Amino acid sequence: MRVLGQGQSRWWPIFERVQRQAHLFGEMMEHTGAASGAAARDGRGVAFAAAARRCLACPHAGECRNWLDHTAGSEAPPFCPNADYLSRVKA
């Protein structure tokens, strides 16, 4: 199994997408006040994994980045596929 070294991620676009979406998901959790402990307990972690997959497949990364940059902490935006989940795991 070959492991990508530093600087090689540009040849594997999905790697960059996964990194970007994971970062956005973490920021969205913080921004909306989601509690990491509640997220981990919800469905014994299965719900968190499903939310991460929804984020990875989400076509709204640009809108998400803009919303995070220009909105004070609040409920997740309507375009977010994890809005219900984030509301459920609020601190």
PDB file of N, CA and C in Angstrom:
ATOM      1  N   MET A   1       0.842  -1.177   0.000  1.00  0.00           N
ATOM      2  CA  MET A   1       0.000   0.000   0.000  1.00  0.00           C
ATOM      3  C   MET A   1       0.887   1.240   0.000  1.00  0.00           C
ATOM      4  N   ARG A   2       0.641   2.120  -0.926  1.00  0.00           N
ATOM      5  CA  ARG A   2       1.434   3.338  -1.043  1.00  0.00           C
ATOM      6  C   ARG A   2       0.752   4.462  -0.275  1.00  0.00           C
ATOM      7  N   VAL A   3       1.501   5.154   0.545  1.00  0.00           N
ATOM      8  CA  VAL A   3       0.998   6.291   1.309  1.00  0.00           C
ATOM      9  C   VAL A   3       1.469   7.564   0.632  1.00  0.00           C
ATOM     10  N   LEU A   4       0.559   8.485   0.465  1.00  0.00           N
ATOM     11  CA  LEU A   4       0.937   9.743  -0.185  1.00  0.00           C
ATOM     12  C   LEU A   4       1.820  10.569   0.733  1.00  0.00           C
ATOM     13  N   GLY A   5       2.884  11.082   0.186  1.00  0.00           N
ATOM     14  CA  GLY A   5       3.764  11.955   0.936  1.00  0.00           C
ATOM     15  C   GLY A   5       3.308  13.395   0.815  1.00  0.00           C
ATOM     16  N   GLN A   6       3.935  14.259   1.562  1.00  0.00           N
ATOM     17  CA  GLN A   6       3.594  15.673   1.513  1.00  0.00           C
ATOM     18  C   GLN A   6       3.817  16.199   0.100  1.00  0.00           C
ATOM     19  N   GLY A   7       2.845  16.957  -0.385  1.00  0.00           N
ATOM     20  CA  GLY A   7       2.949  17.519  -1.721  1.00  0.00           C
ATOM     21  C   GLY A   7       2.352  16.638  -2.801  1.00  0.00           C
ATOM     22  N   GLN A   8       1.991  15.409  -2.476  1.00  0.00           N
ATOM     23  CA  GLN A   8       1.432  14.511  -3.470  1.00  0.00           C
ATOM     24  C   GLN A   8      -0.091  14.546  -3.519  1.00  0.00           C
ATOM     25  N   SER A   9      -0.741  15.230  -2.574  1.00  0.00           N
ATOM     26  CA  SER A   9      -2.205  15.234  -2.537  1.00  0.00           C
ATOM     27  C   SER A   9      -2.791  15.890  -3.781  1.00  0.00           C
ATOM     28  N   ARG A  10      -2.042  16.740  -4.460  1.00  0.00           N
ATOM     29  CA  ARG A  10      -2.565  17.399  -5.662  1.00  0.00           C
ATOM     30  C   ARG A  10      -2.881  16.394  -6.757  1.00  0.00           C
ATOM     31  N   TRP A  11      -2.303  15.203  -6.671  1.00  0.00           N
ATOM     32  CA  TRP A  11      -2.576  14.176  -7.668  1.00  0.00           C
ATOM     33  C   TRP A  11      -3.785  13.331  -7.291  1.00  0.00           C
ATOM     34  N   TRP A  12      -4.324  13.568  -6.137  1.00  0.00           N
ATOM     35  CA  TRP A  12      -5.469  12.804  -5.665  1.00  0.00           C
ATOM     36  C   TRP A  12      -6.534  13.781  -5.192  1.00  0.00           C
ATOM     37  N   PRO A  13      -7.364  14.321  -6.101  1.00  0.00           N
ATOM     38  CA  PRO A  13      -8.313  15.376  -5.768  1.00  0.00           C
ATOM     39  C   PRO A  13      -9.293  15.012  -4.654  1.00  0.00           C
ATOM     40  N   ILE A  14      -9.658  13.737  -4.535  1.00  0.00           N
ATOM     41  CA  ILE A  14     -10.603  13.368  -3.481  1.00  0.00           C
ATOM     42  C   ILE A  14     -10.001  13.597  -2.099  1.00  0.00           C
ATOM     43  N   PHE A  15      -8.676  13.462  -1.989  1.00  0.00           N
ATOM     44  CA  PHE A  15      -8.003  13.712  -0.722  1.00  0.00           C
ATOM     45  C   PHE A  15      -8.241  15.148  -0.271  1.00  0.00           C
ATOM     46  N   GLU A  16      -8.085  16.077  -1.195  1.00  0.00           N
ATOM     47  CA  GLU A  16      -8.304  17.486  -0.864  1.00  0.00           C
ATOM     48  C   GLU A  16      -9.766  17.749  -0.507  1.00  0.00           C
ATOM     49  N   ARG A  17     -10.692  17.111  -1.229  1.00  0.00           N
ATOM     50  CA  ARG A  17     -12.114  17.284  -0.933  1.00  0.00           C
ATOM     51  C   ARG A  17     -12.444  16.762   0.467  1.00  0.00           C
ATOM     52  N   VAL A  18     -11.926  15.600   0.809  1.00  0.00           N
ATOM     53  CA  VAL A  18     -12.178  15.031   2.135  1.00  0.00           C
ATOM     54  C   VAL A  18     -11.644  15.963   3.214  1.00  0.00           C
ATOM     55  N   GLN A  19     -10.439  16.477   3.027  1.00  0.00           N
ATOM     56  CA  GLN A  19      -9.865  17.410   3.999  1.00  0.00           C
ATOM     57  C   GLN A  19     -10.718  18.670   4.129  1.00  0.00           C
ATOM     58  N   ARG A  20     -11.121  19.250   3.001  1.00  0.00           N
ATOM     59  CA  ARG A  20     -11.924  20.474   3.023  1.00  0.00           C
ATOM     60  C   ARG A  20     -13.258  20.235   3.724  1.00  0.00           C
ATOM     61  N   GLN A  21     -13.939  19.167   3.346  1.00  0.00           N
ATOM     62  CA  GLN A  21     -15.257  18.905   3.917  1.00  0.00           C
ATOM     63  C   GLN A  21     -15.162  18.579   5.403  1.00  0.00           C
ATOM     64  N   ALA A  22     -14.134  17.853   5.813  1.00  0.00           N
ATOM     65  CA  ALA A  22     -13.960  17.545   7.235  1.00  0.00           C
ATOM     66  C   ALA A  22     -13.746  18.827   8.028  1.00  0.00           C
ATOM     67  N   HIS A  23     -12.962  19.731   7.473  1.00  0.00           N
ATOM     68  CA  HIS A  23     -12.720  21.012   8.132  1.00  0.00           C
ATOM     69  C   HIS A  23     -14.019  21.821   8.234  1.00  0.00           C
ATOM     70  N   LEU A  24     -14.779  21.869   7.141  1.00  0.00           N
ATOM     71  CA  LEU A  24     -16.060  22.588   7.161  1.00  0.00           C
ATOM     72  C   LEU A  24     -17.016  21.974   8.169  1.00  0.00           C
ATOM     73  N   PHE A  25     -17.065  20.653   8.234  1.00  0.00           N
ATOM     74  CA  PHE A  25     -17.958  19.977   9.175  1.00  0.00           C
ATOM     75  C   PHE A  25     -17.593  20.327  10.612  1.00  0.00           C
ATOM     76  N   GLY A  26     -16.307  20.303  10.920  1.00  0.00           N
ATOM     77  CA  GLY A  26     -15.858  20.671  12.262  1.00  0.00           C
ATOM     78  C   GLY A  26     -16.197  22.120  12.594  1.00  0.00           C
ATOM     79  N   GLU A  27     -15.960  23.005  11.649  1.00  0.00           N
ATOM     80  CA  GLU A  27     -16.297  24.414  11.870  1.00  0.00           C
ATOM     81  C   GLU A  27     -17.797  24.602  12.056  1.00  0.00           C
ATOM     82  N   MET A  28     -18.591  23.885  11.253  1.00  0.00           N
ATOM     83  CA  MET A  28     -20.043  24.009  11.362  1.00  0.00           C
ATOM     84  C   MET A  28     -20.512  23.514  12.735  1.00  0.00           C
ATOM     85  N   MET A  29     -19.909  22.442  13.224  1.00  0.00           N
ATOM     86  CA  MET A  29     -20.265  21.953  14.559  1.00  0.00           C
ATOM     87  C   MET A  29     -19.968  23.007  15.613  1.00  0.00           C
ATOM     88  N   GLU A  30     -18.791  23.603  15.542  1.00  0.00           N
ATOM     89  CA  GLU A  30     -18.430  24.650  16.508  1.00  0.00           C
ATOM     90  C   GLU A  30     -19.346  25.856  16.371  1.00  0.00           C
ATOM     91  N   HIS A  31     -19.570  26.273  15.157  1.00  0.00           N
ATOM     92  CA  HIS A  31     -20.342  27.484  14.862  1.00  0.00           C
ATOM     93  C   HIS A  31     -21.789  27.378  15.339  1.00  0.00           C
ATOM     94  N   THR A  32     -22.338  26.177  15.248  1.00  0.00           N
ATOM     95  CA  THR A  32     -23.737  25.983  15.632  1.00  0.00           C
ATOM     96  C   THR A  32     -23.897  25.544  17.081  1.00  0.00           C
ATOM     97  N   GLY A  33     -22.782  25.351  17.776  1.00  0.00           N
ATOM     98  CA  GLY A  33     -22.851  24.971  19.186  1.00  0.00           C
ATOM     99  C   GLY A  33     -23.096  23.495  19.415  1.00  0.00           C
ATOM    100  N   ALA A  34     -22.804  22.676  18.419  1.00  0.00           N
ATOM    101  CA  ALA A  34     -22.963  21.232  18.584  1.00  0.00           C
ATOM    102  C   ALA A  34     -21.925  20.736  19.589  1.00  0.00           C
ATOM    103  N   ALA A  35     -22.331  19.826  20.435  1.00  0.00           N
ATOM    104  CA  ALA A  35     -21.445  19.277  21.463  1.00  0.00           C
ATOM    105  C   ALA A  35     -20.811  17.993  20.953  1.00  0.00           C
ATOM    106  N   SER A  36     -19.490  17.925  20.976  1.00  0.00           N
ATOM    107  CA  SER A  36     -18.811  16.747  20.449  1.00  0.00           C
ATOM    108  C   SER A  36     -19.177  15.491  21.235  1.00  0.00           C
ATOM    109  N   GLY A  37     -19.370  15.618  22.540  1.00  0.00           N
ATOM    110  CA  GLY A  37     -19.769  14.463  23.348  1.00  0.00           C
ATOM    111  C   GLY A  37     -21.141  13.955  22.955  1.00  0.00           C
ATOM    112  N   ALA A  38     -22.073  14.871  22.772  1.00  0.00           N
ATOM    113  CA  ALA A  38     -23.423  14.482  22.346  1.00  0.00           C
ATOM    114  C   ALA A  38     -23.381  13.869  20.959  1.00  0.00           C
ATOM    115  N   ALA A  39     -22.540  14.421  20.102  1.00  0.00           N
ATOM    116  CA  ALA A  39     -22.412  13.891  18.738  1.00  0.00           C
ATOM    117  C   ALA A  39     -21.876  12.466  18.780  1.00  0.00           C
ATOM    118  N   ALA A  40     -20.904  12.205  19.636  1.00  0.00           N
ATOM    119  CA  ALA A  40     -20.315  10.868  19.734  1.00  0.00           C
ATOM    120  C   ALA A  40     -21.300   9.864  20.318  1.00  0.00           C
ATOM    121  N   ARG A  41     -22.145  10.311  21.247  1.00  0.00           N
ATOM    122  CA  ARG A  41     -23.112   9.406  21.877  1.00  0.00           C
ATOM    123  C   ARG A  41     -24.338   9.152  21.016  1.00  0.00           C
ATOM    124  N   ASP A  42     -24.695  10.086  20.160  1.00  0.00           N
ATOM    125  CA  ASP A  42     -25.897   9.964  19.341  1.00  0.00           C
ATOM    126  C   ASP A  42     -25.788   8.740  18.438  1.00  0.00           C
ATOM    127  N   GLY A  43     -26.561   7.737  18.716  1.00  0.00           N
ATOM    128  CA  GLY A  43     -26.513   6.512  17.916  1.00  0.00           C
ATOM    129  C   GLY A  43     -25.202   5.772  18.041  1.00  0.00           C
ATOM    130  N   ARG A  44     -24.505   5.965  19.164  1.00  0.00           N
ATOM    131  CA  ARG A  44     -23.204   5.313  19.420  1.00  0.00           C
ATOM    132  C   ARG A  44     -22.183   5.625  18.333  1.00  0.00           C
ATOM    133  N   GLY A  45     -22.231   6.830  17.823  1.00  0.00           N
ATOM    134  CA  GLY A  45     -21.266   7.272  16.820  1.00  0.00           C
ATOM    135  C   GLY A  45     -21.705   7.031  15.394  1.00  0.00           C
ATOM    136  N   VAL A  46     -22.723   6.218  15.207  1.00  0.00           N
ATOM    137  CA  VAL A  46     -23.204   5.914  13.861  1.00  0.00           C
ATOM    138  C   VAL A  46     -23.795   7.170  13.225  1.00  0.00           C
ATOM    139  N   ALA A  47     -24.516   7.969  14.010  1.00  0.00           N
ATOM    140  CA  ALA A  47     -25.121   9.196  13.486  1.00  0.00           C
ATOM    141  C   ALA A  47     -24.041  10.199  13.078  1.00  0.00           C
ATOM    142  N   PHE A  48     -22.968  10.268  13.860  1.00  0.00           N
ATOM    143  CA  PHE A  48     -21.864  11.169  13.518  1.00  0.00           C
ATOM    144  C   PHE A  48     -21.224  10.747  12.196  1.00  0.00           C
ATOM    145  N   ALA A  49     -21.000   9.453  12.034  1.00  0.00           N
ATOM    146  CA  ALA A  49     -20.405   8.950  10.795  1.00  0.00           C
ATOM    147  C   ALA A  49     -21.314   9.248   9.603  1.00  0.00           C
ATOM    148  N   ALA A  50     -22.610   9.098   9.794  1.00  0.00           N
ATOM    149  CA  ALA A  50     -23.561   9.394   8.710  1.00  0.00           C
ATOM    150  C   ALA A  50     -23.536  10.882   8.381  1.00  0.00           C
ATOM    151  N   ALA A  51     -23.440  11.738   9.413  1.00  0.00           N
ATOM    152  CA  ALA A  51     -23.375  13.186   9.189  1.00  0.00           C
ATOM    153  C   ALA A  51     -22.100  13.552   8.429  1.00  0.00           C
ATOM    154  N   ALA A  52     -20.995  12.915   8.775  1.00  0.00           N
ATOM    155  CA  ALA A  52     -19.737  13.176   8.074  1.00  0.00           C
ATOM    156  C   ALA A  52     -19.844  12.775   6.602  1.00  0.00           C
ATOM    157  N   ARG A  53     -20.519  11.653   6.329  1.00  0.00           N
ATOM    158  CA  ARG A  53     -20.706  11.230   4.932  1.00  0.00           C
ATOM    159  C   ARG A  53     -21.618  12.201   4.188  1.00  0.00           C
ATOM    160  N   ARG A  54     -22.672  12.685   4.858  1.00  0.00           N
ATOM    161  CA  ARG A  54     -23.555  13.670   4.208  1.00  0.00           C
ATOM    162  C   ARG A  54     -22.765  14.923   3.861  1.00  0.00           C
ATOM    163  N   CYS A  55     -21.892  15.349   4.758  1.00  0.00           N
ATOM    164  CA  CYS A  55     -21.077  16.536   4.511  1.00  0.00           C
ATOM    165  C   CYS A  55     -20.124  16.291   3.339  1.00  0.00           C
ATOM    166  N   LEU A  56     -19.530  15.130   3.294  1.00  0.00           N
ATOM    167  CA  LEU A  56     -18.603  14.809   2.212  1.00  0.00           C
ATOM    168  C   LEU A  56     -19.306  14.861   0.855  1.00  0.00           C
ATOM    169  N   ALA A  57     -20.556  14.451   0.803  1.00  0.00           N
ATOM    170  CA  ALA A  57     -21.307  14.432  -0.451  1.00  0.00           C
ATOM    171  C   ALA A  57     -22.010  15.759  -0.756  1.00  0.00           C
ATOM    172  N   CYS A  58     -21.974  16.694   0.165  1.00  0.00           N
ATOM    173  CA  CYS A  58     -22.708  17.955   0.020  1.00  0.00           C
ATOM    174  C   CYS A  58     -22.140  18.808  -1.121  1.00  0.00           C
ATOM    175  N   PRO A  59     -23.014  19.320  -1.979  1.00  0.00           N
ATOM    176  CA  PRO A  59     -22.560  20.151  -3.090  1.00  0.00           C
ATOM    177  C   PRO A  59     -22.450  21.642  -2.740  1.00  0.00           C
ATOM    178  N   HIS A  60     -22.614  21.984  -1.460  1.00  0.00           N
ATOM    179  CA  HIS A  60     -22.678  23.393  -1.070  1.00  0.00           C
ATOM    180  C   HIS A  60     -21.435  23.886  -0.325  1.00  0.00           C
ATOM    181  N   ALA A  61     -20.263  23.373  -0.646  1.00  0.00           N
ATOM    182  CA  ALA A  61     -19.044  23.756   0.079  1.00  0.00           C
ATOM    183  C   ALA A  61     -18.783  25.261   0.006  1.00  0.00           C
ATOM    184  N   GLY A  62     -18.963  25.863  -1.152  1.00  0.00           N
ATOM    185  CA  GLY A  62     -18.742  27.304  -1.284  1.00  0.00           C
ATOM    186  C   GLY A  62     -19.724  28.109  -0.455  1.00  0.00           C
ATOM    187  N   GLU A  63     -20.996  27.735  -0.519  1.00  0.00           N
ATOM    188  CA  GLU A  63     -22.012  28.414   0.296  1.00  0.00           C
ATOM    189  C   GLU A  63     -21.715  28.225   1.777  1.00  0.00           C
ATOM    190  N   CYS A  64     -21.282  27.027   2.147  1.00  0.00           N
ATOM    191  CA  CYS A  64     -20.960  26.728   3.541  1.00  0.00           C
ATOM    192  C   CYS A  64     -19.816  27.619   4.030  1.00  0.00           C
ATOM    193  N   ARG A  65     -18.745  27.685   3.238  1.00  0.00           N
ATOM    194  CA  ARG A  65     -17.590  28.516   3.611  1.00  0.00           C
ATOM    195  C   ARG A  65     -18.023  29.970   3.794  1.00  0.00           C
ATOM    196  N   ASN A  66     -18.834  30.475   2.853  1.00  0.00           N
ATOM    197  CA  ASN A  66     -19.321  31.847   2.927  1.00  0.00           C
ATOM    198  C   ASN A  66     -20.190  32.052   4.170  1.00  0.00           C
ATOM    199  N   TRP A  67     -21.074  31.110   4.441  1.00  0.00           N
ATOM    200  CA  TRP A  67     -21.961  31.215   5.599  1.00  0.00           C
ATOM    201  C   TRP A  67     -21.142  31.227   6.889  1.00  0.00           C
ATOM    202  N   LEU A  68     -20.160  30.341   6.992  1.00  0.00           N
ATOM    203  CA  LEU A  68     -19.316  30.293   8.187  1.00  0.00           C
ATOM    204  C   LEU A  68     -18.528  31.585   8.373  1.00  0.00           C
ATOM    205  N   ASP A  69     -18.067  32.168   7.267  1.00  0.00           N
ATOM    206  CA  ASP A  69     -17.270  33.385   7.344  1.00  0.00           C
ATOM    207  C   ASP A  69     -18.085  34.633   7.674  1.00  0.00           C
ATOM    208  N   HIS A  70     -19.382  34.607   7.389  1.00  0.00           N
ATOM    209  CA  HIS A  70     -20.181  35.832   7.512  1.00  0.00           C
ATOM    210  C   HIS A  70     -21.389  35.731   8.427  1.00  0.00           C
ATOM    211  N   THR A  71     -21.508  34.663   9.193  1.00  0.00           N
ATOM    212  CA  THR A  71     -22.657  34.495  10.063  1.00  0.00           C
ATOM    213  C   THR A  71     -22.192  34.205  11.476  1.00  0.00           C
ATOM    214  N   ALA A  72     -22.798  34.880  12.440  1.00  0.00           N
ATOM    215  CA  ALA A  72     -22.489  34.595  13.839  1.00  0.00           C
ATOM    216  C   ALA A  72     -23.110  33.248  14.200  1.00  0.00           C
ATOM    217  N   GLY A  73     -22.618  32.624  15.266  1.00  0.00           N
ATOM    218  CA  GLY A  73     -23.128  31.325  15.689  1.00  0.00           C
ATOM    219  C   GLY A  73     -24.644  31.286  15.744  1.00  0.00           C
ATOM    220  N   SER A  74     -25.212  30.269  15.176  1.00  0.00           N
ATOM    221  CA  SER A  74     -26.663  30.132  15.140  1.00  0.00           C
ATOM    222  C   SER A  74     -27.025  28.730  14.677  1.00  0.00           C
ATOM    223  N   GLU A  75     -28.249  28.563  14.255  1.00  0.00           N
ATOM    224  CA  GLU A  75     -28.678  27.294  13.681  1.00  0.00           C
ATOM    225  C   GLU A  75     -27.985  27.108  12.337  1.00  0.00           C
ATOM    226  N   ALA A  76     -27.841  25.867  11.940  1.00  0.00           N
ATOM    227  CA  ALA A  76     -27.244  25.575  10.632  1.00  0.00           C
ATOM    228  C   ALA A  76     -28.126  26.157   9.536  1.00  0.00           C
ATOM    229  N   PRO A  77     -27.539  26.545   8.428  1.00  0.00           N
ATOM    230  CA  PRO A  77     -28.312  27.130   7.327  1.00  0.00           C
ATOM    231  C   PRO A  77     -29.220  26.086   6.671  1.00  0.00           C
ATOM    232  N   PRO A  78     -30.271  26.555   6.002  1.00  0.00           N
ATOM    233  CA  PRO A  78     -31.226  25.631   5.379  1.00  0.00           C
ATOM    234  C   PRO A  78     -30.605  24.705   4.329  1.00  0.00           C
ATOM    235  N   PHE A  79     -29.521  25.132   3.674  1.00  0.00           N
ATOM    236  CA  PHE A  79     -28.913  24.290   2.642  1.00  0.00           C
ATOM    237  C   PHE A  79     -28.086  23.149   3.225  1.00  0.00           C
ATOM    238  N   CYS A  80     -27.822  23.168   4.528  1.00  0.00           N
ATOM    239  CA  CYS A  80     -26.964  22.160   5.161  1.00  0.00           C
ATOM    240  C   CYS A  80     -27.717  20.839   5.326  1.00  0.00           C
ATOM    241  N   PRO A  81     -27.180  19.752   4.772  1.00  0.00           N
ATOM    242  CA  PRO A  81     -27.849  18.459   4.909  1.00  0.00           C
ATOM    243  C   PRO A  81     -27.795  17.909   6.334  1.00  0.00           C
ATOM    244  N   ASN A  82     -26.999  18.542   7.197  1.00  0.00           N
ATOM    245  CA  ASN A  82     -26.884  18.105   8.588  1.00  0.00           C
ATOM    246  C   ASN A  82     -27.579  19.042   9.571  1.00  0.00           C
ATOM    247  N   ALA A  83     -28.428  19.921   9.085  1.00  0.00           N
ATOM    248  CA  ALA A  83     -29.083  20.899   9.961  1.00  0.00           C
ATOM    249  C   ALA A  83     -29.831  20.217  11.110  1.00  0.00           C
ATOM    250  N   ASP A  84     -30.607  19.200  10.821  1.00  0.00           N
ATOM    251  CA  ASP A  84     -31.354  18.503  11.874  1.00  0.00           C
ATOM    252  C   ASP A  84     -30.418  17.829  12.870  1.00  0.00           C
ATOM    253  N   TYR A  85     -29.392  17.178  12.352  1.00  0.00           N
ATOM    254  CA  TYR A  85     -28.420  16.502  13.215  1.00  0.00           C
ATOM    255  C   TYR A  85     -27.729  17.509  14.131  1.00  0.00           C
ATOM    256  N   LEU A  86     -27.260  18.612  13.576  1.00  0.00           N
ATOM    257  CA  LEU A  86     -26.550  19.614  14.370  1.00  0.00           C
ATOM    258  C   LEU A  86     -27.444  20.213  15.448  1.00  0.00           C
ATOM    259  N   SER A  87     -28.699  20.394  15.137  1.00  0.00           N
ATOM    260  CA  SER A  87     -29.652  20.895  16.114  1.00  0.00           C
ATOM    261  C   SER A  87     -29.855  19.875  17.230  1.00  0.00           C
ATOM    262  N   ARG A  88     -29.884  18.611  16.889  1.00  0.00           N
ATOM    263  CA  ARG A  88     -30.111  17.537  17.852  1.00  0.00           C
ATOM    264  C   ARG A  88     -28.943  17.385  18.830  1.00  0.00           C
ATOM    265  N   VAL A  89     -27.734  17.675  18.400  1.00  0.00           N
ATOM    266  CA  VAL A  89     -26.559  17.458  19.259  1.00  0.00           C
ATOM    267  C   VAL A  89     -25.996  18.766  19.835  1.00  0.00           C
ATOM    268  N   LYS A  90     -26.839  19.777  19.909  1.00  0.00           N
ATOM    269  CA  LYS A  90     -26.380  21.049  20.486  1.00  0.00           C
ATOM    270  C   LYS A  90     -26.011  20.875  21.959  1.00  0.00           C
ATOM    271  N   ALA A  91     -25.039  21.667  22.375  1.00  0.00           N
ATOM    272  CA  ALA A  91     -24.600  21.634  23.777  1.00  0.00           C
ATOM    273  C   ALA A  91     -25.705  22.136  24.693  1.00  0.00           C
TER     274      ALA A  91
END
